[in-house]
């Protein structure tokens, strides 16, 4: 999909470390500011923030559990993915409506470990993940690269081209396709503006955002990669950790891999033999 940007009158770029250091130095040299931030009011504010953070972490941990039916959602998937990939992994994220869950569960703290886009285009992450891996190898860090992408954005990314290039030029990446059986963003857009919008009251089929029956997302990559791309899928929480381990190992051995994560069960989604 095309990407559109509005020209800005001014653009500024700053090194975060330098900028924050300058701010801290200024605060430390200003007695008026110091008197405010060392007051009892700010001490109470800090306690409130610590309590809010603790409660948030409890909520995030609670969400990372399988469903009673034994299926997994995005929080459980990302919790297991964080444990499965190498510590220095770089994530290229185009999760759209699942972005918050992805960020909360991955809990990344290292600069340069998360790439996202705030623009209006979809489908950029496939080629971007290849570029990130090439750049990492060029600089000598040779870090593991993981793309996390919604099923709609995956289709927009020209996966046949991405995985042919990946196998042709030996650029191993792991792709996690979040298969929720629909292009969910068009339904969410009116929700943010008008919670009572008619678009929220009709079926996915009526809105033309349903992908059922879904494509064989991993199979597309495997075919384009001429058998050199690993093909994995799962909807069972009990199989999740082991399937992710196999997909990660495939990439560590020099082959790209696509893991189709069938969120919240297999209904309407591609299965072997159908």
C-alpha atoms as a PDB file:
ATOM      1  CA  UNK A   1       0.000   0.000   0.000  1.00  0.00           C
ATOM      2  CA  UNK A   2       1.286   3.512  -0.733  1.00  0.00           C
ATOM      3  CA  UNK A   3       2.623   5.593   2.129  1.00  0.00           C
ATOM      4  CA  UNK A   4       1.653   9.279   2.362  1.00  0.00           C
ATOM      5  CA  UNK A   5       3.385  11.907   4.468  1.00  0.00           C
ATOM      6  CA  UNK A   6       2.546  15.565   5.073  1.00  0.00           C
ATOM      7  CA  UNK A   7       5.559  17.844   4.652  1.00  0.00           C
ATOM      8  CA  UNK A   8       6.653  19.494   7.901  1.00  0.00           C
ATOM      9  CA  UNK A   9       7.821  23.093   8.117  1.00  0.00           C
ATOM     10  CA  UNK A  10      10.722  22.078  10.354  1.00  0.00           C
ATOM     11  CA  UNK A  11      12.319  18.737  11.200  1.00  0.00           C
ATOM     12  CA  UNK A  12      14.530  18.095  14.209  1.00  0.00           C
ATOM     13  CA  UNK A  13      16.698  15.149  15.122  1.00  0.00           C
ATOM     14  CA  UNK A  14      18.423  14.568  18.447  1.00  0.00           C
ATOM     15  CA  UNK A  15      20.519  11.912  20.095  1.00  0.00           C
ATOM     16  CA  UNK A  16      18.385  10.650  22.990  1.00  0.00           C
ATOM     17  CA  UNK A  17      21.358  10.089  25.314  1.00  0.00           C
ATOM     18  CA  UNK A  18      22.781  13.568  24.711  1.00  0.00           C
ATOM     19  CA  UNK A  19      19.381  15.242  25.037  1.00  0.00           C
ATOM     20  CA  UNK A  20      18.438  13.486  28.281  1.00  0.00           C
ATOM     21  CA  UNK A  21      21.898  14.161  29.730  1.00  0.00           C
ATOM     22  CA  UNK A  22      21.503  17.864  28.986  1.00  0.00           C
ATOM     23  CA  UNK A  23      18.050  17.921  30.600  1.00  0.00           C
ATOM     24  CA  UNK A  24      19.356  16.187  33.722  1.00  0.00           C
ATOM     25  CA  UNK A  25      22.300  18.562  33.947  1.00  0.00           C
ATOM     26  CA  UNK A  26      19.971  21.546  33.689  1.00  0.00           C
ATOM     27  CA  UNK A  27      17.682  20.196  36.402  1.00  0.00           C
ATOM     28  CA  UNK A  28      20.651  19.550  38.700  1.00  0.00           C
ATOM     29  CA  UNK A  29      21.839  23.151  38.277  1.00  0.00           C
ATOM     30  CA  UNK A  30      18.438  24.775  38.907  1.00  0.00           C
ATOM     31  CA  UNK A  31      17.613  25.234  42.606  1.00  0.00           C
ATOM     32  CA  UNK A  32      13.976  26.136  41.941  1.00  0.00           C
ATOM     33  CA  UNK A  33      13.335  22.907  40.021  1.00  0.00           C
ATOM     34  CA  UNK A  34      15.250  20.862  42.604  1.00  0.00           C
ATOM     35  CA  UNK A  35      13.107  22.248  45.423  1.00  0.00           C
ATOM     36  CA  UNK A  36       9.968  21.155  43.581  1.00  0.00           C
ATOM     37  CA  UNK A  37      11.054  17.621  42.659  1.00  0.00           C
ATOM     38  CA  UNK A  38      12.356  16.920  46.176  1.00  0.00           C
ATOM     39  CA  UNK A  39       9.114  18.057  47.826  1.00  0.00           C
ATOM     40  CA  UNK A  40       6.682  15.658  49.613  1.00  0.00           C
ATOM     41  CA  UNK A  41       4.218  16.116  46.745  1.00  0.00           C
ATOM     42  CA  UNK A  42       6.647  14.547  44.271  1.00  0.00           C
ATOM     43  CA  UNK A  43       7.503  11.767  46.716  1.00  0.00           C
ATOM     44  CA  UNK A  44       3.811  10.889  46.821  1.00  0.00           C
ATOM     45  CA  UNK A  45       3.658  11.028  43.038  1.00  0.00           C
ATOM     46  CA  UNK A  46       6.567   8.598  42.789  1.00  0.00           C
ATOM     47  CA  UNK A  47       4.832   6.152  45.121  1.00  0.00           C
ATOM     48  CA  UNK A  48       1.697   6.416  43.000  1.00  0.00           C
ATOM     49  CA  UNK A  49       3.645   5.698  39.813  1.00  0.00           C
ATOM     50  CA  UNK A  50       5.359   2.699  41.414  1.00  0.00           C
ATOM     51  CA  UNK A  51       2.021   1.279  42.502  1.00  0.00           C
ATOM     52  CA  UNK A  52       0.498   1.843  39.058  1.00  0.00           C
ATOM     53  CA  UNK A  53       3.473   0.119  37.430  1.00  0.00           C
ATOM     54  CA  UNK A  54       3.238  -2.870  39.774  1.00  0.00           C
ATOM     55  CA  UNK A  55      -0.474  -3.231  39.018  1.00  0.00           C
ATOM     56  CA  UNK A  56       0.198  -2.963  35.292  1.00  0.00           C
ATOM     57  CA  UNK A  57       2.788  -5.734  35.431  1.00  0.00           C
ATOM     58  CA  UNK A  58       0.319  -7.943  37.317  1.00  0.00           C
ATOM     59  CA  UNK A  59      -2.277  -7.304  34.593  1.00  0.00           C
ATOM     60  CA  UNK A  60       0.209  -8.071  31.800  1.00  0.00           C
ATOM     61  CA  UNK A  61       1.259 -11.336  33.445  1.00  0.00           C
ATOM     62  CA  UNK A  62      -2.379 -12.298  33.954  1.00  0.00           C
ATOM     63  CA  UNK A  63      -3.191 -11.751  30.278  1.00  0.00           C
ATOM     64  CA  UNK A  64      -0.361 -14.046  29.120  1.00  0.00           C
ATOM     65  CA  UNK A  65      -2.330 -17.208  29.847  1.00  0.00           C
ATOM     66  CA  UNK A  66      -4.036 -19.685  27.499  1.00  0.00           C
ATOM     67  CA  UNK A  67      -7.796 -19.693  27.161  1.00  0.00           C
ATOM     68  CA  UNK A  68      -9.892 -22.318  29.006  1.00  0.00           C
ATOM     69  CA  UNK A  69     -10.258 -24.118  25.645  1.00  0.00           C
ATOM     70  CA  UNK A  70      -6.465 -24.472  25.362  1.00  0.00           C
ATOM     71  CA  UNK A  71      -6.025 -21.801  22.675  1.00  0.00           C
ATOM     72  CA  UNK A  72      -3.595 -18.865  22.796  1.00  0.00           C
ATOM     73  CA  UNK A  73      -4.057 -15.177  22.098  1.00  0.00           C
ATOM     74  CA  UNK A  74      -1.478 -12.519  21.298  1.00  0.00           C
ATOM     75  CA  UNK A  75      -0.381 -11.974  24.952  1.00  0.00           C
ATOM     76  CA  UNK A  76       0.340 -15.671  25.533  1.00  0.00           C
ATOM     77  CA  UNK A  77       2.068 -15.943  22.142  1.00  0.00           C
ATOM     78  CA  UNK A  78       4.331 -12.937  22.756  1.00  0.00           C
ATOM     79  CA  UNK A  79       5.173 -14.127  26.270  1.00  0.00           C
ATOM     80  CA  UNK A  80       6.373 -17.433  24.814  1.00  0.00           C
ATOM     81  CA  UNK A  81       8.136 -15.721  21.898  1.00  0.00           C
ATOM     82  CA  UNK A  82      10.121 -13.526  24.300  1.00  0.00           C
ATOM     83  CA  UNK A  83      11.398 -16.674  26.003  1.00  0.00           C
ATOM     84  CA  UNK A  84      12.162 -18.494  22.736  1.00  0.00           C
ATOM     85  CA  UNK A  85      14.280 -15.968  20.820  1.00  0.00           C
ATOM     86  CA  UNK A  86      17.874 -14.907  21.599  1.00  0.00           C
ATOM     87  CA  UNK A  87      18.274 -12.035  24.071  1.00  0.00           C
ATOM     88  CA  UNK A  88      19.694  -9.657  21.453  1.00  0.00           C
ATOM     89  CA  UNK A  89      16.811 -10.128  18.994  1.00  0.00           C
ATOM     90  CA  UNK A  90      15.692  -7.165  16.889  1.00  0.00           C
ATOM     91  CA  UNK A  91      11.915  -7.004  16.380  1.00  0.00           C
ATOM     92  CA  UNK A  92      10.291  -5.495  13.298  1.00  0.00           C
ATOM     93  CA  UNK A  93       6.678  -4.978  14.334  1.00  0.00           C
ATOM     94  CA  UNK A  94       3.649  -4.390  12.127  1.00  0.00           C
ATOM     95  CA  UNK A  95       1.029  -5.865  14.435  1.00  0.00           C
ATOM     96  CA  UNK A  96      -1.522  -3.035  13.914  1.00  0.00           C
ATOM     97  CA  UNK A  97      -4.428  -3.718  16.303  1.00  0.00           C
ATOM     98  CA  UNK A  98      -2.271  -6.089  18.375  1.00  0.00           C
ATOM     99  CA  UNK A  99       0.651  -3.689  18.797  1.00  0.00           C
ATOM    100  CA  UNK A 100      -0.054  -2.868  22.449  1.00  0.00           C
ATOM    101  CA  UNK A 101      -0.157  -6.536  23.456  1.00  0.00           C
ATOM    102  CA  UNK A 102       3.059  -7.201  21.529  1.00  0.00           C
ATOM    103  CA  UNK A 103       4.882  -4.314  23.215  1.00  0.00           C
ATOM    104  CA  UNK A 104       3.635  -5.153  26.701  1.00  0.00           C
ATOM    105  CA  UNK A 105       4.634  -8.807  26.526  1.00  0.00           C
ATOM    106  CA  UNK A 106       8.007  -8.414  24.795  1.00  0.00           C
ATOM    107  CA  UNK A 107       9.099  -5.805  27.390  1.00  0.00           C
ATOM    108  CA  UNK A 108      12.030  -4.566  25.316  1.00  0.00           C
ATOM    109  CA  UNK A 109      14.467  -2.172  26.964  1.00  0.00           C
ATOM    110  CA  UNK A 110      17.473  -2.142  24.611  1.00  0.00           C
ATOM    111  CA  UNK A 111      17.702   0.771  22.134  1.00  0.00           C
ATOM    112  CA  UNK A 112      17.454  -0.456  18.560  1.00  0.00           C
ATOM    113  CA  UNK A 113      15.620  -3.663  19.429  1.00  0.00           C
ATOM    114  CA  UNK A 114      12.184  -2.462  18.168  1.00  0.00           C
ATOM    115  CA  UNK A 115      11.339  -1.094  14.724  1.00  0.00           C
ATOM    116  CA  UNK A 116       7.831   0.144  13.989  1.00  0.00           C
ATOM    117  CA  UNK A 117       6.206   2.644  11.643  1.00  0.00           C
ATOM    118  CA  UNK A 118       3.891   5.488  12.541  1.00  0.00           C
ATOM    119  CA  UNK A 119       3.025   6.149   8.900  1.00  0.00           C
ATOM    120  CA  UNK A 120      -0.105   5.319   6.962  1.00  0.00           C
ATOM    121  CA  UNK A 121       1.245   2.413   4.933  1.00  0.00           C
ATOM    122  CA  UNK A 122       0.798  -1.308   5.462  1.00  0.00           C
ATOM    123  CA  UNK A 123       3.025  -4.116   4.260  1.00  0.00           C
ATOM    124  CA  UNK A 124       6.411  -2.494   4.882  1.00  0.00           C
ATOM    125  CA  UNK A 125       7.686  -4.949   7.502  1.00  0.00           C
ATOM    126  CA  UNK A 126       8.609  -7.873   5.240  1.00  0.00           C
ATOM    127  CA  UNK A 127      11.199  -5.986   3.223  1.00  0.00           C
ATOM    128  CA  UNK A 128      12.202  -3.981   6.292  1.00  0.00           C
ATOM    129  CA  UNK A 129      13.002  -7.151   8.259  1.00  0.00           C
ATOM    130  CA  UNK A 130      15.319  -8.291   5.458  1.00  0.00           C
ATOM    131  CA  UNK A 131      16.996  -4.889   5.491  1.00  0.00           C
ATOM    132  CA  UNK A 132      17.424  -4.922   9.259  1.00  0.00           C
ATOM    133  CA  UNK A 133      19.034  -8.371   9.077  1.00  0.00           C
ATOM    134  CA  UNK A 134      21.364  -7.284   6.289  1.00  0.00           C
ATOM    135  CA  UNK A 135      22.379  -4.181   8.255  1.00  0.00           C
ATOM    136  CA  UNK A 136      22.971  -6.217  11.399  1.00  0.00           C
ATOM    137  CA  UNK A 137      25.182  -8.675   9.544  1.00  0.00           C
ATOM    138  CA  UNK A 138      27.042  -5.848   7.785  1.00  0.00           C
ATOM    139  CA  UNK A 139      27.947  -4.202  11.092  1.00  0.00           C
ATOM    140  CA  UNK A 140      29.136  -7.521  12.495  1.00  0.00           C
ATOM    141  CA  UNK A 141      26.538  -7.883  15.257  1.00  0.00           C
ATOM    142  CA  UNK A 142      24.690 -10.596  13.280  1.00  0.00           C
ATOM    143  CA  UNK A 143      21.623 -10.349  15.513  1.00  0.00           C
ATOM    144  CA  UNK A 144      18.517 -12.509  15.274  1.00  0.00           C
ATOM    145  CA  UNK A 145      15.665 -10.654  13.516  1.00  0.00           C
ATOM    146  CA  UNK A 146      11.996 -11.363  14.162  1.00  0.00           C
ATOM    147  CA  UNK A 147       9.128  -9.823  12.197  1.00  0.00           C
ATOM    148  CA  UNK A 148       5.739  -9.720  13.970  1.00  0.00           C
ATOM    149  CA  UNK A 149       2.987  -8.929  11.488  1.00  0.00           C
ATOM    150  CA  UNK A 150      -0.792  -8.988  11.271  1.00  0.00           C
ATOM    151  CA  UNK A 151      -2.334 -11.287   8.672  1.00  0.00           C
ATOM    152  CA  UNK A 152      -3.654  -8.385   6.592  1.00  0.00           C
ATOM    153  CA  UNK A 153      -0.319  -6.566   6.575  1.00  0.00           C
ATOM    154  CA  UNK A 154       1.421  -9.842   5.740  1.00  0.00           C
ATOM    155  CA  UNK A 155      -0.626 -10.079   2.552  1.00  0.00           C
ATOM    156  CA  UNK A 156       0.173  -6.448   1.713  1.00  0.00           C
ATOM    157  CA  UNK A 157       3.909  -7.162   2.085  1.00  0.00           C
ATOM    158  CA  UNK A 158       4.216  -9.306  -1.094  1.00  0.00           C
ATOM    159  CA  UNK A 159       5.377 -12.367   0.865  1.00  0.00           C
ATOM    160  CA  UNK A 160       6.256 -14.317  -2.273  1.00  0.00           C
ATOM    161  CA  UNK A 161       8.875 -11.688  -3.120  1.00  0.00           C
ATOM    162  CA  UNK A 162      10.102 -11.407   0.480  1.00  0.00           C
ATOM    163  CA  UNK A 163      10.798 -15.116   0.941  1.00  0.00           C
ATOM    164  CA  UNK A 164      12.205 -15.694  -2.520  1.00  0.00           C
ATOM    165  CA  UNK A 165      14.707 -12.914  -1.765  1.00  0.00           C
ATOM    166  CA  UNK A 166      15.326 -14.368   1.699  1.00  0.00           C
ATOM    167  CA  UNK A 167      16.319 -17.768   0.315  1.00  0.00           C
ATOM    168  CA  UNK A 168      18.073 -16.413  -2.786  1.00  0.00           C
ATOM    169  CA  UNK A 169      20.396 -14.144  -0.794  1.00  0.00           C
ATOM    170  CA  UNK A 170      20.531 -16.215   2.408  1.00  0.00           C
ATOM    171  CA  UNK A 171      18.885 -13.658   4.712  1.00  0.00           C
ATOM    172  CA  UNK A 172      17.369 -15.667   7.568  1.00  0.00           C
ATOM    173  CA  UNK A 173      14.507 -14.016   9.475  1.00  0.00           C
ATOM    174  CA  UNK A 174      11.694 -15.324  11.653  1.00  0.00           C
ATOM    175  CA  UNK A 175       8.185 -14.115  10.797  1.00  0.00           C
ATOM    176  CA  UNK A 176       5.263 -14.436  13.200  1.00  0.00           C
ATOM    177  CA  UNK A 177       1.932 -14.009  11.378  1.00  0.00           C
ATOM    178  CA  UNK A 178      -0.879 -13.046  13.746  1.00  0.00           C
ATOM    179  CA  UNK A 179      -3.835 -14.841  12.157  1.00  0.00           C
ATOM    180  CA  UNK A 180      -7.024 -13.451  13.708  1.00  0.00           C
ATOM    181  CA  UNK A 181      -9.058 -14.357  10.624  1.00  0.00           C
ATOM    182  CA  UNK A 182      -9.834 -10.783   9.649  1.00  0.00           C
ATOM    183  CA  UNK A 183      -8.482  -7.376   8.760  1.00  0.00           C
ATOM    184  CA  UNK A 184      -9.403  -5.899  12.114  1.00  0.00           C
ATOM    185  CA  UNK A 185      -8.234  -2.300  11.695  1.00  0.00           C
ATOM    186  CA  UNK A 186     -11.271  -1.068   9.704  1.00  0.00           C
ATOM    187  CA  UNK A 187     -13.553  -2.239  12.520  1.00  0.00           C
ATOM    188  CA  UNK A 188     -11.411  -0.596  15.196  1.00  0.00           C
ATOM    189  CA  UNK A 189     -11.205   2.757  13.410  1.00  0.00           C
ATOM    190  CA  UNK A 190     -14.881   3.711  13.945  1.00  0.00           C
ATOM    191  CA  UNK A 191     -14.707   2.292  17.479  1.00  0.00           C
ATOM    192  CA  UNK A 192     -12.197   4.993  18.461  1.00  0.00           C
ATOM    193  CA  UNK A 193     -14.324   7.762  16.941  1.00  0.00           C
ATOM    194  CA  UNK A 194     -17.924   6.606  17.426  1.00  0.00           C
ATOM    195  CA  UNK A 195     -18.322   3.657  19.825  1.00  0.00           C
ATOM    196  CA  UNK A 196     -21.927   3.224  18.664  1.00  0.00           C
ATOM    197  CA  UNK A 197     -21.135   3.193  14.942  1.00  0.00           C
ATOM    198  CA  UNK A 198     -23.127   0.834  12.733  1.00  0.00           C
ATOM    199  CA  UNK A 199     -19.872  -0.755  11.518  1.00  0.00           C
ATOM    200  CA  UNK A 200     -19.552  -2.375  14.953  1.00  0.00           C
ATOM    201  CA  UNK A 201     -22.948  -4.043  14.697  1.00  0.00           C
ATOM    202  CA  UNK A 202     -22.507  -6.016  11.497  1.00  0.00           C
ATOM    203  CA  UNK A 203     -20.579  -9.181  10.725  1.00  0.00           C
ATOM    204  CA  UNK A 204     -17.055  -9.384   9.365  1.00  0.00           C
ATOM    205  CA  UNK A 205     -18.468 -10.728   6.110  1.00  0.00           C
ATOM    206  CA  UNK A 206     -20.799  -7.741   5.727  1.00  0.00           C
ATOM    207  CA  UNK A 207     -17.866  -5.389   6.295  1.00  0.00           C
ATOM    208  CA  UNK A 208     -15.754  -7.387   3.829  1.00  0.00           C
ATOM    209  CA  UNK A 209     -12.938  -7.719   6.362  1.00  0.00           C
ATOM    210  CA  UNK A 210     -13.192 -11.483   6.886  1.00  0.00           C
ATOM    211  CA  UNK A 211     -10.345 -13.688   5.629  1.00  0.00           C
ATOM    212  CA  UNK A 212     -12.243 -16.934   6.141  1.00  0.00           C
ATOM    213  CA  UNK A 213     -11.203 -19.360   4.840  1.00  0.00           C
ATOM    214  CA  UNK A 214      -7.725 -17.946   5.341  1.00  0.00           C
ATOM    215  CA  UNK A 215      -4.780 -18.420   2.994  1.00  0.00           C
ATOM    216  CA  UNK A 216      -1.988 -20.813   3.894  1.00  0.00           C
ATOM    217  CA  UNK A 217       0.269 -18.000   5.111  1.00  0.00           C
ATOM    218  CA  UNK A 218       3.257 -20.185   5.946  1.00  0.00           C
ATOM    219  CA  UNK A 219       2.754 -22.222   2.783  1.00  0.00           C
ATOM    220  CA  UNK A 220       3.023 -19.082   0.621  1.00  0.00           C
ATOM    221  CA  UNK A 221       6.470 -18.440   2.085  1.00  0.00           C
ATOM    222  CA  UNK A 222       7.522 -22.070   1.791  1.00  0.00           C
ATOM    223  CA  UNK A 223       6.561 -22.179  -1.892  1.00  0.00           C
ATOM    224  CA  UNK A 224       8.312 -18.895  -2.686  1.00  0.00           C
ATOM    225  CA  UNK A 225      11.396 -20.088  -0.837  1.00  0.00           C
ATOM    226  CA  UNK A 226      11.624 -23.270  -2.935  1.00  0.00           C
ATOM    227  CA  UNK A 227      11.586 -25.492   0.132  1.00  0.00           C
ATOM    228  CA  UNK A 228      14.265 -23.469   1.918  1.00  0.00           C
ATOM    229  CA  UNK A 229      11.848 -21.583   4.212  1.00  0.00           C
ATOM    230  CA  UNK A 230      10.549 -23.256   7.371  1.00  0.00           C
ATOM    231  CA  UNK A 231       6.759 -23.571   7.607  1.00  0.00           C
ATOM    232  CA  UNK A 232       5.137 -23.725  11.054  1.00  0.00           C
ATOM    233  CA  UNK A 233       1.622 -23.202  12.437  1.00  0.00           C
ATOM    234  CA  UNK A 234      -0.229 -23.815  15.674  1.00  0.00           C
ATOM    235  CA  UNK A 235      -3.435 -22.959  17.516  1.00  0.00           C
ATOM    236  CA  UNK A 236      -2.824 -25.080  20.624  1.00  0.00           C
ATOM    237  CA  UNK A 237      -1.284 -23.403  23.661  1.00  0.00           C
ATOM    238  CA  UNK A 238       0.223 -26.726  24.697  1.00  0.00           C
ATOM    239  CA  UNK A 239       2.234 -26.940  21.452  1.00  0.00           C
ATOM    240  CA  UNK A 240       3.222 -23.287  21.315  1.00  0.00           C
ATOM    241  CA  UNK A 241       6.577 -23.307  23.123  1.00  0.00           C
ATOM    242  CA  UNK A 242       7.901 -26.316  21.205  1.00  0.00           C
ATOM    243  CA  UNK A 243       6.727 -25.025  17.814  1.00  0.00           C
ATOM    244  CA  UNK A 244       8.373 -21.665  18.464  1.00  0.00           C
ATOM    245  CA  UNK A 245      11.571 -23.434  19.514  1.00  0.00           C
ATOM    246  CA  UNK A 246      11.654 -25.326  16.216  1.00  0.00           C
ATOM    247  CA  UNK A 247      11.008 -22.147  14.211  1.00  0.00           C
ATOM    248  CA  UNK A 248      13.781 -20.278  16.027  1.00  0.00           C
ATOM    249  CA  UNK A 249      16.188 -23.166  15.501  1.00  0.00           C
ATOM    250  CA  UNK A 250      15.380 -23.160  11.783  1.00  0.00           C
ATOM    251  CA  UNK A 251      16.472 -19.514  11.576  1.00  0.00           C
ATOM    252  CA  UNK A 252      19.590 -20.118  13.660  1.00  0.00           C
ATOM    253  CA  UNK A 253      20.539 -22.784  11.130  1.00  0.00           C
ATOM    254  CA  UNK A 254      20.420 -20.202   8.333  1.00  0.00           C
ATOM    255  CA  UNK A 255      16.893 -20.532   6.914  1.00  0.00           C
ATOM    256  CA  UNK A 256      14.010 -18.105   7.162  1.00  0.00           C
ATOM    257  CA  UNK A 257      10.911 -19.396   8.926  1.00  0.00           C
ATOM    258  CA  UNK A 258       7.254 -18.368   9.056  1.00  0.00           C
ATOM    259  CA  UNK A 259       5.138 -19.262  12.069  1.00  0.00           C
ATOM    260  CA  UNK A 260       1.402 -18.842  11.485  1.00  0.00           C
ATOM    261  CA  UNK A 261      -0.097 -18.164  14.906  1.00  0.00           C
ATOM    262  CA  UNK A 262      -3.773 -19.084  14.707  1.00  0.00           C
ATOM    263  CA  UNK A 263      -5.081 -16.825  17.453  1.00  0.00           C
ATOM    264  CA  UNK A 264      -8.010 -17.970  19.577  1.00  0.00           C
ATOM    265  CA  UNK A 265      -8.411 -21.311  17.821  1.00  0.00           C
ATOM    266  CA  UNK A 266      -8.540 -22.796  14.308  1.00  0.00           C
ATOM    267  CA  UNK A 267     -12.055 -21.809  13.224  1.00  0.00           C
ATOM    268  CA  UNK A 268     -12.066 -20.456   9.660  1.00  0.00           C
ATOM    269  CA  UNK A 269      -8.304 -20.859   9.316  1.00  0.00           C
ATOM    270  CA  UNK A 270      -6.160 -22.953   7.011  1.00  0.00           C
ATOM    271  CA  UNK A 271      -5.369 -26.444   8.249  1.00  0.00           C
ATOM    272  CA  UNK A 272      -3.316 -29.180   6.644  1.00  0.00           C
ATOM    273  CA  UNK A 273      -5.467 -31.082   4.161  1.00  0.00           C
ATOM    274  CA  UNK A 274      -8.162 -28.441   3.609  1.00  0.00           C
END
